[in-house]
Amino acid sequence: SQPDALVDSAEVELSSYDSLSNLGAAHVHSVTWWGQYFRPTLPADAVTWSVTRLKFMAKQDNDVLPTDIKLCIPITGDSQPSSTVVDSATLAAGVLTGSFQWLEVLFISNGSQAAGKGLYVTFSNNIGRPAQLRYQTKNVVSPDPGLSEGGPVWSWSSAASDQSLLFYVYGTYTTAVPQPPINLLRSVTITLNPGNDPSSRVRTAVTALNQPQMP
């Protein structure tokens, strides 16, 4: 038999949360960072997945500065983001306005994750107050960890499952497709019988050096 073929999907929505109620502003600044957990629901035959882009709601805070956005592996138990970064992007200074709006960042390295595993997307800054993120402050219903608050030296609180950023994560997933067996001609057996006497039968085999594929 031959190994399964790995097939990549088209870009799909991997995970999202959106709401119009109980909304607040999560301020990103030099002492307060934010991390949102997400875990995509994938087809049963998916083996890995990766992120291509992220949409979120934000507006300008006090300072016109860039905001660092990272995709991070969770710690054991998924309650907080770890310092292991699989991809990163930057929300450029000057993009934000005085009103909340949907923004988008792209991810390039697309570090793949095993099916069933989640990631945190974190928002951080080391020198000022660049952004406010729109989030739901209560009554989020989810079996997964939600919004985690952190800061410098990578210290995070356990995620609050009843809170969530407003976000959409897009990406691709890879499925394993079983392949039919390949039949190869490995040898040919030849039997010669010059007469009716079975004892005169000659039997030999020839090895096929190039082992062609048989239909």
N, C-alpha and C. Protein backbone atom coordinates (compact mmCIF):
# COMPACT_ATOMS: atom_id res chain seq x y z
N SER A 1 0.84 -1.19 0.00
CA SER A 1 0.00 0.00 0.00
C SER A 1 0.87 1.24 0.00
N GLN A 2 0.30 2.36 -0.43
CA GLN A 2 1.04 3.61 -0.44
C GLN A 2 0.48 4.57 0.60
N PRO A 3 1.28 5.53 1.05
CA PRO A 3 0.81 6.44 2.10
C PRO A 3 -0.34 7.31 1.61
N ASP A 4 -1.14 7.81 2.60
CA ASP A 4 -2.25 8.70 2.26
C ASP A 4 -1.72 9.97 1.61
N ALA A 5 -2.51 10.51 0.68
CA ALA A 5 -2.18 11.79 0.06
C ALA A 5 -2.68 12.93 0.96
N LEU A 6 -1.85 13.95 1.16
CA LEU A 6 -2.23 15.12 1.95
C LEU A 6 -2.77 16.19 1.02
N VAL A 7 -4.01 16.62 1.28
CA VAL A 7 -4.70 17.57 0.40
C VAL A 7 -5.06 18.82 1.19
N ASP A 8 -4.64 19.99 0.71
CA ASP A 8 -4.95 21.26 1.38
C ASP A 8 -6.29 21.79 0.90
N SER A 9 -7.06 22.33 1.83
CA SER A 9 -8.36 22.92 1.50
C SER A 9 -8.17 24.33 0.94
N ALA A 10 -9.25 24.86 0.40
CA ALA A 10 -9.29 26.29 0.11
C ALA A 10 -9.39 27.05 1.44
N GLU A 11 -9.19 28.36 1.40
CA GLU A 11 -9.31 29.15 2.63
C GLU A 11 -10.75 29.09 3.14
N VAL A 12 -10.88 28.87 4.44
CA VAL A 12 -12.19 28.79 5.09
C VAL A 12 -12.15 29.59 6.39
N GLU A 13 -13.31 29.85 6.96
CA GLU A 13 -13.37 30.44 8.30
C GLU A 13 -13.10 29.33 9.31
N LEU A 14 -12.05 29.49 10.09
CA LEU A 14 -11.67 28.49 11.08
C LEU A 14 -12.37 28.68 12.41
N SER A 15 -12.55 29.92 12.83
CA SER A 15 -13.15 30.20 14.13
C SER A 15 -13.59 31.66 14.15
N SER A 16 -14.57 31.99 14.97
CA SER A 16 -15.03 33.37 15.06
C SER A 16 -15.88 33.57 16.29
N TYR A 17 -16.01 34.83 16.68
CA TYR A 17 -16.98 35.23 17.69
C TYR A 17 -17.39 36.66 17.38
N ASP A 18 -18.70 36.91 17.35
CA ASP A 18 -19.22 38.24 17.06
C ASP A 18 -20.45 38.47 17.93
N SER A 19 -20.67 39.70 18.31
CA SER A 19 -21.79 40.01 19.20
C SER A 19 -22.11 41.49 19.12
N LEU A 20 -23.34 41.84 19.53
CA LEU A 20 -23.77 43.24 19.60
C LEU A 20 -24.10 43.67 21.03
N SER A 21 -23.91 42.78 22.00
CA SER A 21 -24.32 43.08 23.38
C SER A 21 -23.15 42.99 24.34
N ASN A 22 -23.26 43.70 25.46
CA ASN A 22 -22.28 43.66 26.55
C ASN A 22 -20.86 43.93 26.05
N LEU A 23 -20.71 44.93 25.20
CA LEU A 23 -19.42 45.19 24.58
C LEU A 23 -18.58 46.16 25.41
N GLY A 24 -17.28 45.92 25.43
CA GLY A 24 -16.35 46.79 26.12
C GLY A 24 -15.10 46.99 25.29
N ALA A 25 -14.16 47.76 25.84
CA ALA A 25 -12.90 48.05 25.16
C ALA A 25 -11.74 47.51 25.98
N ALA A 26 -10.96 46.64 25.38
CA ALA A 26 -9.76 46.10 26.01
C ALA A 26 -8.57 46.93 25.55
N HIS A 27 -7.99 47.70 26.46
CA HIS A 27 -6.90 48.62 26.12
C HIS A 27 -5.57 47.88 26.02
N VAL A 28 -4.93 47.99 24.86
CA VAL A 28 -3.59 47.41 24.67
C VAL A 28 -2.56 48.49 24.97
N HIS A 29 -1.72 48.25 25.98
CA HIS A 29 -0.65 49.21 26.24
C HIS A 29 0.54 48.49 26.88
N SER A 30 1.51 49.24 27.31
CA SER A 30 2.79 48.66 27.69
C SER A 30 2.72 47.74 28.90
N VAL A 31 1.66 47.84 29.69
CA VAL A 31 1.55 46.96 30.87
C VAL A 31 0.35 46.04 30.81
N THR A 32 -0.47 46.16 29.79
CA THR A 32 -1.64 45.29 29.64
C THR A 32 -1.72 44.75 28.23
N TRP A 33 -1.61 43.43 28.13
CA TRP A 33 -1.74 42.74 26.85
C TRP A 33 -2.98 41.86 26.89
N TRP A 34 -3.40 41.38 25.71
CA TRP A 34 -4.60 40.56 25.63
C TRP A 34 -4.35 39.36 24.74
N GLY A 35 -4.93 38.21 25.13
CA GLY A 35 -4.81 37.00 24.34
C GLY A 35 -6.16 36.30 24.22
N GLN A 36 -6.55 35.96 23.00
CA GLN A 36 -7.82 35.29 22.75
C GLN A 36 -7.56 33.87 22.26
N TYR A 37 -8.16 32.89 22.94
CA TYR A 37 -8.02 31.49 22.53
C TYR A 37 -9.02 31.16 21.44
N PHE A 38 -8.62 30.31 20.50
CA PHE A 38 -9.56 29.78 19.52
C PHE A 38 -9.10 28.39 19.10
N ARG A 39 -10.08 27.56 18.77
CA ARG A 39 -9.80 26.20 18.30
C ARG A 39 -10.80 25.88 17.20
N PRO A 40 -10.34 25.64 15.98
CA PRO A 40 -11.27 25.42 14.87
C PRO A 40 -11.97 24.07 14.95
N THR A 41 -13.18 24.05 14.42
CA THR A 41 -13.90 22.79 14.21
C THR A 41 -13.64 22.34 12.79
N LEU A 42 -13.06 21.16 12.63
CA LEU A 42 -12.57 20.70 11.34
C LEU A 42 -13.27 19.40 10.92
N PRO A 43 -13.21 19.05 9.63
CA PRO A 43 -13.73 17.74 9.21
C PRO A 43 -13.00 16.61 9.93
N ALA A 44 -13.67 15.47 10.02
CA ALA A 44 -13.13 14.34 10.79
C ALA A 44 -11.81 13.84 10.22
N ASP A 45 -11.59 14.01 8.91
CA ASP A 45 -10.36 13.49 8.31
C ASP A 45 -9.24 14.53 8.24
N ALA A 46 -9.43 15.70 8.86
CA ALA A 46 -8.37 16.72 8.88
C ALA A 46 -7.24 16.29 9.81
N VAL A 47 -6.02 16.57 9.40
CA VAL A 47 -4.86 16.21 10.23
C VAL A 47 -4.13 17.44 10.76
N THR A 48 -4.11 18.53 10.01
CA THR A 48 -3.47 19.77 10.45
C THR A 48 -4.28 20.97 9.96
N TRP A 49 -3.96 22.15 10.51
CA TRP A 49 -4.59 23.39 10.05
C TRP A 49 -3.61 24.53 10.26
N SER A 50 -3.83 25.64 9.56
CA SER A 50 -2.98 26.81 9.70
C SER A 50 -3.78 28.07 9.42
N VAL A 51 -3.30 29.19 9.95
CA VAL A 51 -4.00 30.48 9.85
C VAL A 51 -3.42 31.31 8.71
N THR A 52 -4.30 31.92 7.94
CA THR A 52 -3.86 32.83 6.87
C THR A 52 -4.13 34.30 7.20
N ARG A 53 -5.25 34.59 7.90
CA ARG A 53 -5.55 35.99 8.22
C ARG A 53 -6.49 36.08 9.41
N LEU A 54 -6.50 37.26 10.01
CA LEU A 54 -7.30 37.54 11.19
C LEU A 54 -8.04 38.85 11.01
N LYS A 55 -9.33 38.88 11.34
CA LYS A 55 -10.11 40.11 11.39
C LYS A 55 -10.52 40.37 12.83
N PHE A 56 -10.47 41.63 13.25
CA PHE A 56 -10.85 41.99 14.61
C PHE A 56 -11.30 43.44 14.62
N MET A 57 -11.98 43.85 15.69
CA MET A 57 -12.45 45.23 15.82
C MET A 57 -11.53 46.00 16.76
N ALA A 58 -11.11 47.19 16.33
CA ALA A 58 -10.22 48.01 17.16
C ALA A 58 -10.38 49.48 16.79
N LYS A 59 -9.91 50.34 17.72
CA LYS A 59 -9.85 51.77 17.44
C LYS A 59 -8.61 52.36 18.11
N GLN A 60 -8.31 53.60 17.76
CA GLN A 60 -7.14 54.28 18.28
C GLN A 60 -7.26 54.55 19.78
N ASP A 61 -6.15 54.35 20.49
CA ASP A 61 -6.07 54.77 21.90
C ASP A 61 -5.25 56.05 21.95
N ASN A 62 -4.44 56.27 22.98
CA ASN A 62 -3.75 57.55 23.16
C ASN A 62 -2.62 57.79 22.17
N ASP A 63 -1.92 56.71 21.75
CA ASP A 63 -0.67 56.88 21.01
C ASP A 63 -0.77 56.24 19.62
N VAL A 64 -0.15 56.93 18.65
CA VAL A 64 -0.08 56.39 17.29
C VAL A 64 1.16 55.51 17.21
N LEU A 65 0.97 54.22 17.52
CA LEU A 65 2.07 53.27 17.60
C LEU A 65 1.61 51.94 16.99
N PRO A 66 2.55 51.12 16.55
CA PRO A 66 2.17 49.79 16.06
C PRO A 66 1.74 48.87 17.20
N THR A 67 0.94 47.88 16.86
CA THR A 67 0.52 46.85 17.80
C THR A 67 1.04 45.50 17.31
N ASP A 68 1.70 44.76 18.20
CA ASP A 68 2.22 43.44 17.84
C ASP A 68 1.13 42.40 18.01
N ILE A 69 0.96 41.56 17.00
CA ILE A 69 -0.05 40.51 17.02
C ILE A 69 0.66 39.18 16.78
N LYS A 70 0.46 38.22 17.69
CA LYS A 70 1.17 36.94 17.62
C LYS A 70 0.20 35.79 17.74
N LEU A 71 0.52 34.70 17.06
CA LEU A 71 -0.17 33.42 17.26
C LEU A 71 0.71 32.56 18.15
N CYS A 72 0.19 32.19 19.30
CA CYS A 72 1.00 31.51 20.32
C CYS A 72 0.40 30.15 20.69
N ILE A 73 1.30 29.20 20.95
CA ILE A 73 0.88 27.90 21.47
C ILE A 73 0.36 28.08 22.89
N PRO A 74 -0.75 27.45 23.27
CA PRO A 74 -1.20 27.53 24.67
C PRO A 74 -0.28 26.74 25.59
N ILE A 75 -0.29 27.10 26.86
CA ILE A 75 0.36 26.26 27.85
C ILE A 75 -0.48 25.00 28.03
N THR A 76 0.03 24.01 28.74
CA THR A 76 -0.72 22.79 29.00
C THR A 76 -2.03 23.12 29.70
N GLY A 77 -3.11 22.63 29.16
CA GLY A 77 -4.43 22.95 29.70
C GLY A 77 -5.12 24.07 28.96
N ASP A 78 -4.39 24.78 28.10
CA ASP A 78 -4.95 25.82 27.21
C ASP A 78 -5.44 27.07 27.92
N SER A 79 -5.18 27.23 29.21
CA SER A 79 -5.76 28.35 29.94
C SER A 79 -5.05 29.67 29.71
N GLN A 80 -3.81 29.63 29.20
CA GLN A 80 -3.02 30.85 28.96
C GLN A 80 -2.14 30.65 27.72
N PRO A 81 -1.76 31.74 27.06
CA PRO A 81 -0.80 31.62 25.96
C PRO A 81 0.62 31.41 26.49
N SER A 82 1.38 30.58 25.81
CA SER A 82 2.79 30.42 26.15
C SER A 82 3.61 31.42 25.33
N SER A 83 4.91 31.44 25.55
CA SER A 83 5.79 32.35 24.80
C SER A 83 6.26 31.73 23.48
N THR A 84 5.73 30.56 23.12
CA THR A 84 6.09 29.93 21.85
C THR A 84 5.22 30.51 20.74
N VAL A 85 5.84 31.25 19.84
CA VAL A 85 5.14 31.97 18.78
C VAL A 85 5.26 31.19 17.47
N VAL A 86 4.13 30.91 16.81
CA VAL A 86 4.15 30.20 15.54
C VAL A 86 4.05 31.14 14.35
N ASP A 87 3.57 32.36 14.56
CA ASP A 87 3.48 33.35 13.49
C ASP A 87 3.22 34.71 14.13
N SER A 88 3.50 35.76 13.39
CA SER A 88 3.28 37.11 13.94
C SER A 88 2.98 38.08 12.81
N ALA A 89 2.36 39.18 13.19
CA ALA A 89 2.04 40.26 12.26
C ALA A 89 2.07 41.57 13.04
N THR A 90 2.00 42.67 12.34
CA THR A 90 2.02 43.99 12.98
C THR A 90 0.88 44.83 12.44
N LEU A 91 0.11 45.41 13.34
CA LEU A 91 -0.88 46.41 12.96
C LEU A 91 -0.17 47.75 12.94
N ALA A 92 -0.01 48.30 11.76
CA ALA A 92 0.83 49.48 11.57
C ALA A 92 0.25 50.70 12.29
N ALA A 93 1.15 51.59 12.72
CA ALA A 93 0.74 52.86 13.32
C ALA A 93 -0.02 53.68 12.29
N GLY A 94 -1.05 54.36 12.73
CA GLY A 94 -1.82 55.22 11.83
C GLY A 94 -2.98 54.54 11.15
N VAL A 95 -3.12 53.22 11.28
CA VAL A 95 -4.24 52.52 10.65
C VAL A 95 -5.54 52.75 11.42
N LEU A 96 -5.45 52.86 12.73
CA LEU A 96 -6.63 52.99 13.57
C LEU A 96 -7.23 54.39 13.49
N THR A 97 -8.54 54.46 13.72
CA THR A 97 -9.26 55.73 13.77
C THR A 97 -9.89 55.88 15.15
N GLY A 98 -10.67 56.93 15.32
CA GLY A 98 -11.32 57.18 16.60
C GLY A 98 -12.56 56.35 16.83
N SER A 99 -12.96 55.53 15.86
CA SER A 99 -14.14 54.68 15.99
C SER A 99 -13.75 53.22 15.77
N PHE A 100 -14.49 52.32 16.43
CA PHE A 100 -14.22 50.91 16.22
C PHE A 100 -14.52 50.52 14.78
N GLN A 101 -13.63 49.75 14.19
CA GLN A 101 -13.81 49.26 12.83
C GLN A 101 -13.18 47.88 12.70
N TRP A 102 -13.66 47.13 11.70
CA TRP A 102 -13.05 45.83 11.43
C TRP A 102 -11.74 46.02 10.69
N LEU A 103 -10.70 45.37 11.17
CA LEU A 103 -9.37 45.44 10.56
C LEU A 103 -8.90 44.02 10.26
N GLU A 104 -7.91 43.92 9.40
CA GLU A 104 -7.41 42.60 9.00
C GLU A 104 -5.89 42.60 8.94
N VAL A 105 -5.29 41.51 9.44
CA VAL A 105 -3.85 41.29 9.29
C VAL A 105 -3.64 39.92 8.67
N LEU A 106 -2.55 39.80 7.90
CA LEU A 106 -2.22 38.55 7.22
C LEU A 106 -1.08 37.85 7.95
N PHE A 107 -1.10 36.54 7.92
CA PHE A 107 -0.01 35.73 8.46
C PHE A 107 0.65 34.97 7.31
N ILE A 108 1.98 34.91 7.34
CA ILE A 108 2.73 34.41 6.19
C ILE A 108 3.32 33.03 6.42
N SER A 109 3.90 32.78 7.59
CA SER A 109 4.63 31.52 7.78
C SER A 109 3.71 30.32 7.90
N ASN A 110 2.44 30.56 8.33
CA ASN A 110 1.43 29.51 8.35
C ASN A 110 1.90 28.25 9.08
N GLY A 111 2.46 28.41 10.28
CA GLY A 111 2.87 27.24 11.05
C GLY A 111 1.69 26.34 11.33
N SER A 112 1.72 25.12 10.84
CA SER A 112 0.57 24.23 10.94
C SER A 112 0.45 23.65 12.35
N GLN A 113 -0.80 23.43 12.77
CA GLN A 113 -1.11 22.84 14.06
C GLN A 113 -1.88 21.54 13.85
N ALA A 114 -1.73 20.62 14.78
CA ALA A 114 -2.45 19.35 14.70
C ALA A 114 -3.95 19.59 14.89
N ALA A 115 -4.76 18.84 14.17
CA ALA A 115 -6.21 18.92 14.35
C ALA A 115 -6.56 18.66 15.80
N GLY A 116 -7.50 19.44 16.32
CA GLY A 116 -7.89 19.32 17.72
C GLY A 116 -7.15 20.24 18.65
N LYS A 117 -6.06 20.87 18.18
CA LYS A 117 -5.30 21.80 18.98
C LYS A 117 -5.75 23.24 18.72
N GLY A 118 -5.62 24.11 19.74
CA GLY A 118 -5.97 25.50 19.59
C GLY A 118 -4.77 26.41 19.67
N LEU A 119 -4.99 27.70 19.43
CA LEU A 119 -3.96 28.72 19.53
C LEU A 119 -4.52 29.93 20.27
N TYR A 120 -3.62 30.78 20.74
CA TYR A 120 -3.98 32.11 21.22
C TYR A 120 -3.50 33.14 20.21
N VAL A 121 -4.32 34.16 19.96
CA VAL A 121 -3.85 35.35 19.26
C VAL A 121 -3.67 36.43 20.32
N THR A 122 -2.46 37.00 20.39
CA THR A 122 -2.16 37.99 21.42
C THR A 122 -1.92 39.36 20.81
N PHE A 123 -2.25 40.39 21.56
CA PHE A 123 -2.08 41.79 21.15
C PHE A 123 -1.23 42.47 22.23
N SER A 124 -0.09 43.05 21.83
CA SER A 124 0.82 43.60 22.82
C SER A 124 1.54 44.83 22.28
N ASN A 125 2.11 45.59 23.21
CA ASN A 125 2.93 46.76 22.90
C ASN A 125 3.80 47.04 24.12
N ASN A 126 5.01 47.52 23.89
CA ASN A 126 5.95 47.71 25.00
C ASN A 126 6.19 49.16 25.40
N ILE A 127 5.63 50.12 24.65
CA ILE A 127 6.05 51.50 24.92
C ILE A 127 4.90 52.49 25.05
N GLY A 128 3.66 52.12 24.81
CA GLY A 128 2.60 53.12 24.88
C GLY A 128 1.22 52.50 24.91
N ARG A 129 0.23 53.26 24.43
CA ARG A 129 -1.17 52.82 24.41
C ARG A 129 -1.70 52.96 22.99
N PRO A 130 -1.45 51.96 22.12
CA PRO A 130 -1.80 52.13 20.72
C PRO A 130 -3.24 51.81 20.34
N ALA A 131 -3.90 50.89 21.06
CA ALA A 131 -5.16 50.38 20.52
C ALA A 131 -6.14 50.00 21.62
N GLN A 132 -7.41 50.02 21.25
CA GLN A 132 -8.48 49.44 22.05
C GLN A 132 -9.14 48.36 21.21
N LEU A 133 -9.37 47.20 21.81
CA LEU A 133 -9.99 46.08 21.13
C LEU A 133 -11.43 45.92 21.61
N ARG A 134 -12.34 45.66 20.68
CA ARG A 134 -13.73 45.45 21.04
C ARG A 134 -13.91 44.00 21.52
N TYR A 135 -14.57 43.83 22.67
CA TYR A 135 -14.80 42.48 23.19
C TYR A 135 -16.13 42.42 23.92
N GLN A 136 -16.65 41.20 24.09
CA GLN A 136 -17.85 41.00 24.89
C GLN A 136 -17.42 40.73 26.32
N THR A 137 -17.99 41.49 27.24
CA THR A 137 -17.51 41.49 28.62
C THR A 137 -18.09 40.38 29.49
N LYS A 138 -19.22 39.78 29.08
CA LYS A 138 -19.85 38.74 29.91
C LYS A 138 -20.82 37.93 29.06
N ASN A 139 -21.25 36.81 29.64
CA ASN A 139 -22.30 35.96 29.07
C ASN A 139 -21.89 35.25 27.78
N VAL A 140 -20.60 35.16 27.50
CA VAL A 140 -20.17 34.32 26.39
C VAL A 140 -20.31 32.86 26.80
N VAL A 141 -20.89 32.05 25.93
CA VAL A 141 -21.07 30.63 26.22
C VAL A 141 -20.13 29.84 25.31
N SER A 142 -19.11 29.21 25.90
CA SER A 142 -18.13 28.46 25.11
C SER A 142 -17.50 27.40 25.99
N PRO A 143 -17.23 26.21 25.45
CA PRO A 143 -16.53 25.19 26.24
C PRO A 143 -15.04 25.44 26.32
N ASP A 144 -14.53 26.38 25.54
CA ASP A 144 -13.10 26.65 25.48
C ASP A 144 -12.71 27.85 26.34
N PRO A 145 -11.41 27.97 26.67
CA PRO A 145 -10.94 29.21 27.30
C PRO A 145 -11.24 30.41 26.40
N GLY A 146 -11.37 31.56 27.00
CA GLY A 146 -11.72 32.74 26.22
C GLY A 146 -10.63 33.78 26.19
N LEU A 147 -10.85 34.91 26.89
CA LEU A 147 -9.97 36.07 26.84
C LEU A 147 -9.05 36.09 28.05
N SER A 148 -7.75 36.21 27.79
CA SER A 148 -6.74 36.24 28.86
C SER A 148 -6.07 37.60 28.88
N GLU A 149 -5.81 38.12 30.10
CA GLU A 149 -5.11 39.40 30.27
C GLU A 149 -3.68 39.13 30.73
N GLY A 150 -2.73 39.82 30.12
CA GLY A 150 -1.33 39.60 30.46
C GLY A 150 -0.53 40.88 30.40
N GLY A 151 0.79 40.71 30.36
CA GLY A 151 1.65 41.87 30.31
C GLY A 151 3.09 41.48 30.11
N PRO A 152 4.01 42.44 30.26
CA PRO A 152 5.44 42.18 30.08
C PRO A 152 5.91 41.02 30.95
N VAL A 153 7.06 40.45 30.57
CA VAL A 153 7.64 39.23 31.15
C VAL A 153 6.71 38.04 30.97
N TRP A 154 5.74 38.18 30.05
CA TRP A 154 4.85 37.10 29.63
C TRP A 154 4.15 36.46 30.81
N SER A 155 3.46 37.30 31.57
CA SER A 155 2.67 36.84 32.71
C SER A 155 1.19 37.01 32.35
N TRP A 156 0.44 35.90 32.38
CA TRP A 156 -0.95 35.93 31.93
C TRP A 156 -1.88 35.39 33.00
N SER A 157 -3.10 35.91 33.02
CA SER A 157 -4.16 35.35 33.85
C SER A 157 -4.80 34.18 33.11
N SER A 158 -5.49 33.32 33.85
CA SER A 158 -6.25 32.27 33.20
C SER A 158 -7.39 32.89 32.40
N ALA A 159 -7.62 32.36 31.21
CA ALA A 159 -8.61 32.96 30.32
C ALA A 159 -10.01 32.87 30.92
N ALA A 160 -10.78 33.94 30.73
CA ALA A 160 -12.18 33.98 31.18
C ALA A 160 -13.06 33.45 30.07
N SER A 161 -13.69 32.30 30.29
CA SER A 161 -14.48 31.66 29.24
C SER A 161 -15.78 32.40 28.93
N ASP A 162 -16.19 33.34 29.79
CA ASP A 162 -17.41 34.10 29.51
C ASP A 162 -17.12 35.43 28.84
N GLN A 163 -15.87 35.65 28.41
CA GLN A 163 -15.48 36.85 27.68
C GLN A 163 -14.79 36.46 26.37
N SER A 164 -14.94 37.31 25.35
CA SER A 164 -14.30 37.02 24.08
C SER A 164 -14.11 38.29 23.27
N LEU A 165 -12.98 38.37 22.58
CA LEU A 165 -12.82 39.39 21.56
C LEU A 165 -13.80 39.13 20.43
N LEU A 166 -14.12 40.16 19.68
CA LEU A 166 -14.85 39.99 18.43
C LEU A 166 -13.81 39.72 17.35
N PHE A 167 -13.89 38.56 16.70
CA PHE A 167 -12.83 38.19 15.77
C PHE A 167 -13.32 37.17 14.77
N TYR A 168 -12.60 37.09 13.65
CA TYR A 168 -12.77 36.05 12.65
C TYR A 168 -11.38 35.57 12.25
N VAL A 169 -11.16 34.27 12.32
CA VAL A 169 -9.88 33.67 11.91
C VAL A 169 -10.13 32.82 10.67
N TYR A 170 -9.29 33.04 9.65
CA TYR A 170 -9.39 32.29 8.40
C TYR A 170 -8.11 31.49 8.17
N GLY A 171 -8.23 30.41 7.45
CA GLY A 171 -7.05 29.60 7.17
C GLY A 171 -7.40 28.41 6.32
N THR A 172 -6.53 27.42 6.34
CA THR A 172 -6.72 26.19 5.58
C THR A 172 -6.50 24.99 6.49
N TYR A 173 -6.98 23.84 6.04
CA TYR A 173 -6.71 22.60 6.75
C TYR A 173 -6.27 21.54 5.74
N THR A 174 -5.59 20.54 6.26
CA THR A 174 -5.07 19.45 5.42
C THR A 174 -5.74 18.15 5.81
N THR A 175 -6.24 17.42 4.82
CA THR A 175 -6.85 16.12 5.06
C THR A 175 -5.96 15.02 4.49
N ALA A 176 -6.08 13.83 5.08
CA ALA A 176 -5.35 12.65 4.60
C ALA A 176 -6.30 11.79 3.79
N VAL A 177 -6.00 11.64 2.50
CA VAL A 177 -6.87 10.89 1.59
C VAL A 177 -6.23 9.54 1.29
N PRO A 178 -6.88 8.42 1.67
CA PRO A 178 -6.30 7.10 1.39
C PRO A 178 -6.11 6.89 -0.10
N GLN A 179 -5.00 6.27 -0.46
CA GLN A 179 -4.68 6.00 -1.86
C GLN A 179 -4.84 4.51 -2.16
N PRO A 180 -5.31 4.16 -3.38
CA PRO A 180 -5.44 2.74 -3.73
C PRO A 180 -4.07 2.08 -3.79
N PRO A 181 -4.03 0.76 -3.52
CA PRO A 181 -2.74 0.07 -3.58
C PRO A 181 -2.16 0.06 -4.99
N ILE A 182 -0.86 0.04 -5.07
CA ILE A 182 -0.16 -0.03 -6.35
C ILE A 182 0.31 -1.46 -6.57
N ASN A 183 -0.06 -2.03 -7.72
CA ASN A 183 0.39 -3.38 -8.09
C ASN A 183 1.59 -3.27 -9.02
N LEU A 184 2.71 -3.82 -8.60
CA LEU A 184 3.94 -3.78 -9.39
C LEU A 184 4.29 -5.17 -9.89
N LEU A 185 4.75 -5.23 -11.14
CA LEU A 185 5.23 -6.49 -11.70
C LEU A 185 6.67 -6.70 -11.21
N ARG A 186 6.85 -7.63 -10.28
CA ARG A 186 8.16 -7.86 -9.70
C ARG A 186 8.89 -9.01 -10.37
N SER A 187 8.15 -10.03 -10.88
CA SER A 187 8.79 -11.16 -11.55
C SER A 187 7.80 -11.86 -12.47
N VAL A 188 8.32 -12.64 -13.42
CA VAL A 188 7.51 -13.42 -14.34
C VAL A 188 7.95 -14.88 -14.24
N THR A 189 6.98 -15.74 -13.99
CA THR A 189 7.27 -17.18 -13.91
C THR A 189 6.94 -17.85 -15.25
N ILE A 190 7.89 -18.63 -15.76
CA ILE A 190 7.72 -19.31 -17.05
C ILE A 190 7.77 -20.81 -16.82
N THR A 191 6.79 -21.55 -17.40
CA THR A 191 6.75 -23.01 -17.32
C THR A 191 6.77 -23.58 -18.74
N LEU A 192 7.73 -24.46 -19.03
CA LEU A 192 7.83 -25.11 -20.34
C LEU A 192 7.59 -26.60 -20.16
N ASN A 193 6.77 -27.17 -21.03
CA ASN A 193 6.48 -28.59 -21.00
C ASN A 193 6.64 -29.14 -22.42
N PRO A 194 7.83 -29.71 -22.76
CA PRO A 194 8.08 -30.15 -24.14
C PRO A 194 7.28 -31.37 -24.55
N GLY A 195 6.68 -32.06 -23.64
CA GLY A 195 5.91 -33.26 -23.99
C GLY A 195 4.82 -33.50 -22.98
N ASN A 196 4.28 -34.74 -23.04
CA ASN A 196 3.20 -35.08 -22.12
C ASN A 196 3.70 -35.57 -20.77
N ASP A 197 4.98 -35.83 -20.67
CA ASP A 197 5.54 -36.35 -19.43
C ASP A 197 5.73 -35.20 -18.43
N PRO A 198 4.99 -35.20 -17.31
CA PRO A 198 5.15 -34.10 -16.34
C PRO A 198 6.57 -33.95 -15.83
N SER A 199 7.34 -35.01 -15.80
CA SER A 199 8.70 -34.93 -15.29
C SER A 199 9.63 -34.12 -16.19
N SER A 200 9.20 -33.88 -17.42
CA SER A 200 10.03 -33.09 -18.34
C SER A 200 9.73 -31.60 -18.27
N ARG A 201 8.81 -31.24 -17.40
CA ARG A 201 8.42 -29.81 -17.29
C ARG A 201 9.58 -29.00 -16.70
N VAL A 202 9.80 -27.81 -17.28
CA VAL A 202 10.84 -26.88 -16.82
C VAL A 202 10.17 -25.60 -16.34
N ARG A 203 10.51 -25.20 -15.13
CA ARG A 203 9.89 -24.00 -14.53
C ARG A 203 11.00 -23.04 -14.10
N THR A 204 10.86 -21.76 -14.46
CA THR A 204 11.86 -20.76 -14.09
C THR A 204 11.16 -19.42 -13.87
N ALA A 205 11.87 -18.48 -13.25
CA ALA A 205 11.33 -17.15 -12.99
C ALA A 205 12.34 -16.09 -13.42
N VAL A 206 11.81 -14.98 -13.94
CA VAL A 206 12.64 -13.86 -14.37
C VAL A 206 12.25 -12.63 -13.55
N THR A 207 13.19 -11.97 -12.92
CA THR A 207 12.93 -10.75 -12.14
C THR A 207 12.79 -9.55 -13.06
N ALA A 208 11.75 -8.75 -12.85
CA ALA A 208 11.53 -7.52 -13.63
C ALA A 208 12.35 -6.41 -12.96
N LEU A 209 13.37 -5.95 -13.65
CA LEU A 209 14.28 -4.97 -13.04
C LEU A 209 13.61 -3.62 -12.79
N ASN A 210 12.75 -3.16 -13.69
CA ASN A 210 12.15 -1.83 -13.52
C ASN A 210 10.81 -1.89 -12.81
N GLN A 211 10.27 -3.07 -12.51
CA GLN A 211 9.02 -3.26 -11.75
C GLN A 211 7.91 -2.32 -12.22
N PRO A 212 7.43 -2.51 -13.45
CA PRO A 212 6.37 -1.63 -13.97
C PRO A 212 5.07 -1.81 -13.21
N GLN A 213 4.24 -0.73 -13.20
CA GLN A 213 2.97 -0.79 -12.51
C GLN A 213 1.96 -1.53 -13.35
N MET A 214 1.19 -2.42 -12.70
CA MET A 214 0.19 -3.21 -13.40
C MET A 214 -1.18 -2.55 -13.28
N PRO A 215 -2.03 -2.66 -14.27
CA PRO A 215 -3.39 -2.08 -14.18
C PRO A 215 -4.22 -2.80 -13.15
